[in-house]
């Protein structure tokens, strides 16, 4: 079916009102949940083929999180969609006010390759809960998962409701040339700019989930062994191909040596003495990204790891030290298993430096100093983050996830995701009587004028 035909059928389906009843939305969410259960093994096999993910990691970081979001939406969608009363002033007497969430209509979801199942199906669930139709476009860089998603969704939804379009740049371009009612994009900043340019042509609202260089600050009060354990988990999960992975470390000079020792110890504990022989350690998505990462290593001072396997597109968890802010590795988001380490003397100088950098998607701080925690959370600008942990903030359906500035706009997950795919109408409902005459012409400045001034002050 051609893209234009799919969209035309989805417009007709949405205009029929079929997606609006809450009972229908809940049934579709249940249908999606059961489909994910039935296709779980095929999804795991596809993620293994595309990214080398083990079945355990696929469930932990993708499939299981989809189940969590779906269960949350099944419990709360009825409440999210309910009318909410609003107070009105005496100037609107007699009346009642309320707001109600209404679906945008025909929506487009462009998902990335690094978590291809999670980052395609989770926003799909939010869109379904909000009452929309959806065209989902998975990334061509994860073809096996894209095919599995297409087969799974085709088995449970008609294309006039949820359709999957596979392919590469040509299909992306063809989709962006269509008029959707809302666009949801997850990916790079460069492509995000292109998506926003197309959305601007038709004044289409868009949510952009981008990336950036997310710093990880470790001060002199931090629990170093625990910090190292959690940093290694967050950084090298999915071979560092995580949009909220710690991109680089900023540690106080007094804890540098202890931190390096602890990081080395944790890499060995979590990935083994030879990580490239670990069957649960994945690989870089393709040759182009592998070669880019190898290029970043060429002029870096490697203090741990650095082993590469071009045949299997693997790079071992790697620590890079003696890094300066103007080094090549600090000029772009790494998006791979390479962790640069920088040091600082004063936290105030770190905050001042971050003010002049693009706003990151995440920021992490390891500290037991309440003053330092308050200073960073209040003064630094970033999408979201953790105190004394990494990446776990995006796992909660109760917490909206999104970027700011260069790292994105808008957010999703749970109620925030429902709202992202909804337009909230505010409605004032007036009663017939009494109908106060003071607002109508001809205006009378006497008693009526005094009453107006009193009411509106």
Protein backbone atom coordinates (compact mmCIF):
# COMPACT_ATOMS: atom_id res chain seq x y z
CA UNK A 1 0.00 0.00 0.00
CA UNK A 2 1.37 3.44 -0.94
CA UNK A 3 2.12 5.98 1.78
CA UNK A 4 -0.51 8.41 0.51
CA UNK A 5 -3.12 5.64 0.44
CA UNK A 6 -2.25 4.56 3.99
CA UNK A 7 -2.59 8.09 5.26
CA UNK A 8 -5.86 8.69 3.43
CA UNK A 9 -7.35 5.54 4.92
CA UNK A 10 -6.13 6.55 8.37
CA UNK A 11 -7.71 9.97 8.01
CA UNK A 12 -11.03 8.40 7.13
CA UNK A 13 -10.74 5.94 10.01
CA UNK A 14 -9.97 8.66 12.54
CA UNK A 15 -12.76 10.90 11.26
CA UNK A 16 -15.20 8.02 11.73
CA UNK A 17 -14.66 8.37 15.50
CA UNK A 18 -13.64 4.72 15.90
CA UNK A 19 -10.52 5.52 17.95
CA UNK A 20 -12.21 7.84 20.44
CA UNK A 21 -14.06 5.52 22.90
CA UNK A 22 -11.95 4.69 25.96
CA UNK A 23 -13.07 1.06 25.77
CA UNK A 24 -11.62 0.83 22.25
CA UNK A 25 -8.30 2.34 23.32
CA UNK A 26 -7.97 -0.06 26.25
CA UNK A 27 -8.78 -3.02 24.03
CA UNK A 28 -6.09 -1.93 21.56
CA UNK A 29 -3.54 -1.58 24.38
CA UNK A 30 -4.40 -5.09 25.57
CA UNK A 31 -4.08 -6.35 22.03
CA UNK A 32 -0.62 -4.76 21.75
CA UNK A 33 0.43 -6.28 25.07
CA UNK A 34 -0.64 -9.78 24.02
CA UNK A 35 1.05 -9.39 20.64
CA UNK A 36 4.34 -8.43 22.35
CA UNK A 37 4.05 -11.55 24.51
CA UNK A 38 3.41 -13.77 21.49
CA UNK A 39 6.27 -12.23 19.50
CA UNK A 40 8.75 -11.99 22.36
CA UNK A 41 11.13 -14.67 21.09
CA UNK A 42 11.14 -13.28 17.54
CA UNK A 43 11.85 -9.78 18.88
CA UNK A 44 14.72 -11.09 20.98
CA UNK A 45 16.18 -12.91 17.97
CA UNK A 46 15.89 -9.75 15.86
CA UNK A 47 17.65 -7.62 18.50
CA UNK A 48 20.39 -10.23 18.70
CA UNK A 49 20.84 -10.09 14.93
CA UNK A 50 20.84 -6.28 14.71
CA UNK A 51 22.78 -5.29 17.85
CA UNK A 52 24.10 -8.48 19.41
CA UNK A 53 21.82 -8.06 22.44
CA UNK A 54 21.37 -11.07 24.66
CA UNK A 55 17.86 -12.28 25.46
CA UNK A 56 18.31 -11.05 29.03
CA UNK A 57 19.34 -7.53 27.99
CA UNK A 58 16.60 -7.40 25.35
CA UNK A 59 14.00 -8.11 28.01
CA UNK A 60 15.58 -5.88 30.67
CA UNK A 61 16.03 -2.81 28.49
CA UNK A 62 13.37 -3.09 25.79
CA UNK A 63 10.62 -5.70 25.97
CA UNK A 64 10.09 -5.55 29.73
CA UNK A 65 9.94 -1.74 29.67
CA UNK A 66 7.25 -1.92 26.98
CA UNK A 67 5.21 -4.22 29.22
CA UNK A 68 5.62 -1.76 32.10
CA UNK A 69 4.41 1.19 30.02
CA UNK A 70 1.45 -0.76 28.65
CA UNK A 71 0.36 -1.89 32.11
CA UNK A 72 0.60 1.69 33.37
CA UNK A 73 -1.50 2.99 30.50
CA UNK A 74 -4.10 0.25 30.94
CA UNK A 75 -4.53 1.31 34.57
CA UNK A 76 -4.64 5.06 34.00
CA UNK A 77 -5.89 5.92 30.50
CA UNK A 78 -9.50 6.28 31.62
CA UNK A 79 -8.41 8.83 34.21
CA UNK A 80 -6.09 10.65 31.78
CA UNK A 81 -8.92 11.05 29.26
CA UNK A 82 -11.56 12.21 31.75
CA UNK A 83 -12.87 15.78 31.76
CA UNK A 84 -11.35 17.96 34.46
CA UNK A 85 -13.34 20.77 36.02
CA UNK A 86 -11.77 24.23 36.05
CA UNK A 87 -12.67 27.13 38.27
CA UNK A 88 -14.26 30.12 36.57
CA UNK A 89 -14.34 33.67 37.85
CA UNK A 90 -17.34 35.71 38.82
CA UNK A 91 -16.96 37.58 35.52
CA UNK A 92 -18.12 34.39 33.73
CA UNK A 93 -21.06 33.79 36.07
CA UNK A 94 -23.08 31.68 35.60
CA UNK A 95 -20.89 29.05 33.91
CA UNK A 96 -18.71 26.01 34.35
CA UNK A 97 -15.29 25.39 32.88
CA UNK A 98 -13.53 22.17 32.04
CA UNK A 99 -10.68 20.77 29.99
CA UNK A 100 -10.52 17.56 28.03
CA UNK A 101 -7.73 15.73 26.21
CA UNK A 102 -8.44 15.13 22.53
CA UNK A 103 -6.23 13.09 20.18
CA UNK A 104 -4.30 14.97 17.53
CA UNK A 105 -5.48 12.54 14.88
CA UNK A 106 -3.11 10.98 12.35
CA UNK A 107 0.35 10.71 13.87
CA UNK A 108 3.80 9.73 12.59
CA UNK A 109 6.40 8.00 14.79
CA UNK A 110 9.99 7.84 13.49
CA UNK A 111 11.98 5.48 15.70
CA UNK A 112 15.77 4.91 15.99
CA UNK A 113 17.99 1.87 15.70
CA UNK A 114 19.68 1.72 19.12
CA UNK A 115 16.61 0.53 21.07
CA UNK A 116 14.44 -0.24 18.06
CA UNK A 117 11.67 -2.14 19.81
CA UNK A 118 11.35 0.02 22.93
CA UNK A 119 11.59 3.37 21.15
CA UNK A 120 9.07 2.36 18.53
CA UNK A 121 6.47 0.55 20.61
CA UNK A 122 6.48 2.75 23.72
CA UNK A 123 5.45 5.96 21.90
CA UNK A 124 3.01 3.84 19.88
CA UNK A 125 1.36 2.80 23.15
CA UNK A 126 1.11 6.45 24.23
CA UNK A 127 -0.43 7.39 20.87
CA UNK A 128 -2.99 4.56 21.09
CA UNK A 129 -3.93 5.52 24.64
CA UNK A 130 -4.51 9.10 23.49
CA UNK A 131 -6.83 7.90 20.68
CA UNK A 132 -4.75 8.48 17.54
CA UNK A 133 -4.00 6.52 14.40
CA UNK A 134 -0.31 5.85 13.81
CA UNK A 135 2.16 5.38 11.01
CA UNK A 136 5.31 3.87 12.54
CA UNK A 137 8.59 4.08 10.64
CA UNK A 138 11.36 1.91 12.20
CA UNK A 139 15.01 2.57 11.43
CA UNK A 140 16.53 0.87 8.41
CA UNK A 141 19.74 0.36 10.43
CA UNK A 142 17.97 -2.35 12.47
CA UNK A 143 16.28 -4.26 9.63
CA UNK A 144 15.57 -7.48 11.51
CA UNK A 145 13.77 -5.69 14.31
CA UNK A 146 11.93 -3.49 11.82
CA UNK A 147 10.64 -6.59 10.04
CA UNK A 148 9.62 -8.24 13.31
CA UNK A 149 7.76 -5.09 14.42
CA UNK A 150 6.00 -4.89 11.08
CA UNK A 151 4.87 -8.52 11.28
CA UNK A 152 3.80 -8.17 14.91
CA UNK A 153 1.73 -5.03 14.38
CA UNK A 154 0.25 -6.34 11.13
CA UNK A 155 -0.98 -9.37 13.08
CA UNK A 156 -3.01 -7.28 15.55
CA UNK A 157 -3.97 -3.97 13.87
CA UNK A 158 -5.50 -3.03 10.52
CA UNK A 159 -3.35 -0.58 8.51
CA UNK A 160 -6.04 2.11 8.61
CA UNK A 161 -5.40 2.21 12.37
CA UNK A 162 -1.71 1.32 12.83
CA UNK A 163 0.58 0.92 9.83
CA UNK A 164 4.30 0.21 9.61
CA UNK A 165 6.39 1.65 6.77
CA UNK A 166 9.86 0.15 6.39
CA UNK A 167 12.74 1.38 4.27
CA UNK A 168 15.42 4.04 4.36
CA UNK A 169 15.88 7.71 3.56
CA UNK A 170 13.53 7.70 0.59
CA UNK A 171 10.67 6.45 2.75
CA UNK A 172 11.55 8.93 5.52
CA UNK A 173 11.46 11.76 3.00
CA UNK A 174 8.18 10.59 1.50
CA UNK A 175 6.58 10.43 4.96
CA UNK A 176 7.80 13.88 5.96
CA UNK A 177 6.29 15.34 2.81
CA UNK A 178 2.83 14.22 3.96
CA UNK A 179 0.57 16.23 6.24
CA UNK A 180 0.29 14.54 9.62
CA UNK A 181 -1.40 15.97 12.70
CA UNK A 182 1.61 15.27 14.92
CA UNK A 183 5.17 13.94 14.48
CA UNK A 184 7.18 12.08 17.11
CA UNK A 185 10.88 11.62 16.30
CA UNK A 186 13.73 9.93 18.16
CA UNK A 187 17.21 10.18 16.69
CA UNK A 188 20.15 12.44 15.97
CA UNK A 189 20.18 16.21 16.17
CA UNK A 190 20.98 16.50 12.46
CA UNK A 191 17.94 14.48 11.39
CA UNK A 192 15.85 16.15 14.09
CA UNK A 193 16.49 19.52 12.44
CA UNK A 194 15.31 18.11 9.12
CA UNK A 195 12.15 16.72 10.74
CA UNK A 196 11.42 20.08 12.35
CA UNK A 197 11.92 21.92 9.05
CA UNK A 198 9.31 19.72 7.38
CA UNK A 199 6.96 20.05 10.36
CA UNK A 200 7.27 23.83 10.17
CA UNK A 201 6.10 23.82 6.54
CA UNK A 202 2.68 22.54 7.61
CA UNK A 203 2.71 23.92 11.18
CA UNK A 204 2.63 20.37 12.52
CA UNK A 205 3.40 19.91 16.24
CA UNK A 206 6.45 17.74 16.85
CA UNK A 207 8.14 16.00 19.75
CA UNK A 208 11.89 15.57 19.23
CA UNK A 209 13.88 13.14 21.38
CA UNK A 210 17.50 13.85 20.44
CA UNK A 211 20.81 13.36 22.22
CA UNK A 212 23.96 15.20 23.23
CA UNK A 213 27.04 14.88 25.39
CA UNK A 214 25.61 13.96 28.78
CA UNK A 215 28.11 14.71 31.56
CA UNK A 216 28.66 12.60 34.66
CA UNK A 217 30.00 14.60 37.61
CA UNK A 218 31.70 12.88 40.55
CA UNK A 219 32.61 15.08 43.49
CA UNK A 220 34.92 14.41 46.43
CA UNK A 221 32.06 13.13 48.65
CA UNK A 222 30.83 10.44 46.25
CA UNK A 223 30.70 6.75 47.10
CA UNK A 224 33.33 5.79 44.54
CA UNK A 225 32.82 1.99 44.36
CA UNK A 226 29.07 2.41 43.91
CA UNK A 227 29.52 5.28 41.44
CA UNK A 228 31.88 3.16 39.33
CA UNK A 229 29.47 0.23 39.31
CA UNK A 230 26.55 2.35 38.15
CA UNK A 231 28.57 4.35 35.63
CA UNK A 232 29.92 1.19 33.99
CA UNK A 233 26.39 -0.19 33.74
CA UNK A 234 24.94 3.00 32.23
CA UNK A 235 27.83 3.75 29.89
CA UNK A 236 28.53 0.35 28.37
CA UNK A 237 24.98 -0.97 28.19
CA UNK A 238 24.19 -1.65 24.52
CA UNK A 239 27.87 -0.93 23.80
CA UNK A 240 27.38 2.70 24.73
CA UNK A 241 24.72 3.18 22.05
CA UNK A 242 22.27 4.78 24.44
CA UNK A 243 21.10 8.38 24.06
CA UNK A 244 21.27 9.00 27.81
CA UNK A 245 24.53 7.15 28.45
CA UNK A 246 27.14 9.13 30.39
CA UNK A 247 29.17 10.65 27.55
CA UNK A 248 32.11 11.77 29.68
CA UNK A 249 33.18 11.99 33.31
CA UNK A 250 33.99 15.17 35.20
CA UNK A 251 35.57 14.04 38.48
CA UNK A 252 37.14 16.03 41.27
CA UNK A 253 40.92 15.75 41.00
CA UNK A 254 41.14 14.28 44.52
CA UNK A 255 39.16 11.15 43.57
CA UNK A 256 40.55 10.62 40.05
CA UNK A 257 42.90 7.73 40.84
CA UNK A 258 40.41 5.91 43.07
CA UNK A 259 37.72 6.30 40.43
CA UNK A 260 39.92 4.94 37.64
CA UNK A 261 40.79 1.89 39.72
CA UNK A 262 37.14 1.32 40.58
CA UNK A 263 36.04 1.69 36.94
CA UNK A 264 38.63 -0.83 35.79
CA UNK A 265 37.51 -3.24 38.51
CA UNK A 266 33.84 -2.87 37.54
CA UNK A 267 34.49 -3.37 33.83
CA UNK A 268 36.24 -6.64 34.66
CA UNK A 269 33.43 -7.70 37.02
CA UNK A 270 30.59 -6.87 34.67
CA UNK A 271 32.12 -7.83 31.31
CA UNK A 272 34.96 -10.20 32.18
CA UNK A 273 38.68 -10.02 31.60
CA UNK A 274 38.11 -10.27 27.84
CA UNK A 275 34.87 -8.40 27.07
CA UNK A 276 35.02 -9.20 23.35
CA UNK A 277 34.65 -12.88 24.26
CA UNK A 278 31.60 -12.19 26.43
CA UNK A 279 28.53 -13.63 24.64
CA UNK A 280 26.31 -11.02 26.34
CA UNK A 281 28.32 -8.08 25.00
CA UNK A 282 26.83 -6.69 21.80
CA UNK A 283 28.33 -4.87 18.84
CA UNK A 284 28.32 -1.54 17.05
CA UNK A 285 25.38 -1.13 14.69
CA UNK A 286 27.31 -0.88 11.41
CA UNK A 287 30.70 -0.29 9.77
CA UNK A 288 30.28 3.47 9.48
CA UNK A 289 29.69 3.94 13.20
CA UNK A 290 32.44 1.44 14.05
CA UNK A 291 35.00 3.32 11.93
CA UNK A 292 33.93 6.66 13.43
CA UNK A 293 34.51 5.32 16.94
CA UNK A 294 37.87 3.84 15.98
CA UNK A 295 38.82 7.26 14.64
CA UNK A 296 38.06 8.82 18.02
CA UNK A 297 40.39 6.31 19.65
CA UNK A 298 43.34 7.04 17.34
CA UNK A 299 44.45 10.19 19.16
CA UNK A 300 43.23 9.26 22.65
CA UNK A 301 45.23 8.22 25.71
CA UNK A 302 43.72 4.80 26.45
CA UNK A 303 44.15 3.58 30.02
CA UNK A 304 41.84 0.58 29.81
CA UNK A 305 40.33 -1.46 26.99
CA UNK A 306 40.65 -0.24 23.42
CA UNK A 307 40.58 -3.72 21.85
CA UNK A 308 38.65 -3.86 18.58
CA UNK A 309 37.27 -6.60 16.34
CA UNK A 310 36.43 -5.22 12.90
CA UNK A 311 34.90 -8.47 11.73
CA UNK A 312 32.33 -8.48 14.53
CA UNK A 313 32.11 -4.66 14.82
CA UNK A 314 33.09 -4.77 18.48
CA UNK A 315 35.01 -2.34 20.66
CA UNK A 316 35.81 -3.28 24.25
CA UNK A 317 34.71 -0.99 27.10
CA UNK A 318 37.37 1.70 26.99
CA UNK A 319 38.57 4.39 29.40
CA UNK A 320 40.36 7.45 28.01
CA UNK A 321 42.32 9.72 30.35
CA UNK A 322 44.15 13.06 30.20
CA UNK A 323 41.32 14.45 28.11
CA UNK A 324 41.01 18.17 27.40
CA UNK A 325 37.86 20.04 26.51
CA UNK A 326 39.17 20.83 23.01
CA UNK A 327 40.11 17.23 22.13
CA UNK A 328 38.29 15.65 19.13
CA UNK A 329 36.51 13.15 21.39
CA UNK A 330 34.85 16.06 23.20
CA UNK A 331 33.47 17.67 20.04
CA UNK A 332 30.71 15.15 19.28
CA UNK A 333 28.42 12.71 21.03
CA UNK A 334 30.40 9.48 21.34
CA UNK A 335 27.51 6.99 21.20
CA UNK A 336 29.82 4.07 21.78
CA UNK A 337 31.79 2.23 24.50
CA UNK A 338 34.42 4.94 25.04
CA UNK A 339 34.45 6.91 28.29
CA UNK A 340 36.67 10.03 28.53
CA UNK A 341 37.72 11.22 31.99
CA UNK A 342 38.27 14.89 32.78
CA UNK A 343 39.04 16.44 36.17
CA UNK A 344 38.02 19.67 37.88
CA UNK A 345 38.96 21.65 40.99
CA UNK A 346 35.79 23.64 41.76
CA UNK A 347 32.18 22.64 41.08
CA UNK A 348 31.34 26.27 40.29
CA UNK A 349 33.76 26.16 37.35
CA UNK A 350 32.08 22.99 36.05
CA UNK A 351 28.68 24.66 36.15
CA UNK A 352 30.06 27.74 34.41
CA UNK A 353 31.59 25.58 31.67
CA UNK A 354 28.37 23.63 31.14
CA UNK A 355 26.45 26.89 30.70
CA UNK A 356 28.41 27.49 27.49
CA UNK A 357 27.82 24.03 26.06
CA UNK A 358 24.74 22.69 24.23
CA UNK A 359 22.12 21.52 26.72
CA UNK A 360 22.45 17.72 27.13
CA UNK A 361 19.68 15.15 27.25
CA UNK A 362 20.87 13.93 30.65
CA UNK A 363 23.18 14.88 33.50
CA UNK A 364 24.41 12.66 36.32
CA UNK A 365 25.86 13.70 39.65
CA UNK A 366 27.44 11.43 42.24
CA UNK A 367 27.60 13.27 45.53
CA UNK A 368 26.58 13.13 49.18
CA UNK A 369 26.80 16.90 49.51
CA UNK A 370 23.30 18.43 49.57
CA UNK A 371 24.64 21.86 48.66
CA UNK A 372 26.35 20.41 45.56
CA UNK A 373 23.20 18.50 44.58
CA UNK A 374 21.03 21.60 44.90
CA UNK A 375 23.52 23.71 42.99
CA UNK A 376 23.71 21.33 40.01
CA UNK A 377 19.99 20.54 39.79
CA UNK A 378 18.96 24.20 40.03
CA UNK A 379 21.62 25.88 37.92
CA UNK A 380 22.40 23.40 35.15
CA UNK A 381 20.09 23.08 32.15
CA UNK A 382 19.48 19.55 30.85
CA UNK A 383 16.62 17.23 29.95
CA UNK A 384 16.64 15.04 33.07
CA UNK A 385 18.96 12.81 34.99
CA UNK A 386 19.89 11.04 38.20
CA UNK A 387 21.59 11.72 41.47
CA UNK A 388 23.91 8.85 42.43
CA UNK A 389 22.85 6.70 39.47
CA UNK A 390 22.79 6.69 35.67
CA UNK A 391 20.04 6.27 33.02
CA UNK A 392 17.44 4.88 35.46
CA UNK A 393 15.29 8.01 35.32
CA UNK A 394 13.92 6.95 31.93
CA UNK A 395 12.57 3.65 33.25
CA UNK A 396 9.66 5.13 35.26
CA UNK A 397 6.29 5.60 33.57
CA UNK A 398 5.47 8.16 36.26
CA UNK A 399 8.32 10.42 35.11
CA UNK A 400 8.21 12.20 31.78
CA UNK A 401 11.35 11.82 29.69
CA UNK A 402 12.62 14.35 27.18
CA UNK A 403 15.26 16.86 26.26
CA UNK A 404 15.61 20.63 26.21
CA UNK A 405 17.13 22.94 23.64
CA UNK A 406 19.62 21.08 21.49
CA UNK A 407 18.70 17.74 23.10
CA UNK A 408 15.05 17.90 22.08
CA UNK A 409 11.62 19.30 22.78
CA UNK A 410 8.60 17.71 24.40
CA UNK A 411 8.56 14.55 26.51
CA UNK A 412 6.76 11.23 26.88
CA UNK A 413 6.16 8.20 29.16
CA UNK A 414 2.94 7.59 31.05
CA UNK A 415 0.76 10.66 31.58
CA UNK A 416 3.35 12.86 29.87
CA UNK A 417 3.25 10.57 26.83
CA UNK A 418 -0.54 10.62 26.77
CA UNK A 419 -0.42 14.42 26.87
CA UNK A 420 2.24 14.54 24.14
CA UNK A 421 -0.17 12.86 21.72
CA UNK A 422 -3.16 14.94 22.85
CA UNK A 423 -4.45 18.45 22.44
CA UNK A 424 -6.06 19.75 25.62
CA UNK A 425 -9.21 21.73 24.95
CA UNK A 426 -10.42 24.24 27.51
CA UNK A 427 -14.16 24.89 27.33
CA UNK A 428 -16.38 27.42 29.04
CA UNK A 429 -20.00 26.32 29.19
CA UNK A 430 -22.46 29.14 29.87
CA UNK A 431 -25.95 28.82 31.27
CA UNK A 432 -28.88 30.58 29.59
CA UNK A 433 -29.96 32.61 32.61
CA UNK A 434 -29.25 35.06 33.98
CA UNK A 435 -27.73 36.83 30.97
CA UNK A 436 -26.00 39.89 32.41
CA UNK A 437 -26.63 42.93 30.19
CA UNK A 438 -23.50 44.87 31.09
CA UNK A 439 -21.32 43.28 28.38
CA UNK A 440 -23.59 44.21 25.49
CA UNK A 441 -23.79 47.48 23.57
CA UNK A 442 -24.92 50.16 23.89
CA UNK A 443 -22.49 50.58 26.81
CA UNK A 444 -23.68 52.53 29.85
CA UNK A 445 -21.02 54.07 32.04
CA UNK A 446 -23.18 54.62 35.10
CA UNK A 447 -24.14 51.77 37.39
CA UNK A 448 -23.11 49.13 34.86
CA UNK A 449 -19.66 50.71 34.40
CA UNK A 450 -19.04 50.70 38.13
CA UNK A 451 -20.14 47.05 38.34
CA UNK A 452 -17.77 46.04 35.53
CA UNK A 453 -14.83 47.73 37.26
CA UNK A 454 -15.66 45.99 40.52
CA UNK A 455 -16.02 42.57 38.91
CA UNK A 456 -12.85 42.73 36.87
CA UNK A 457 -10.43 44.25 39.41
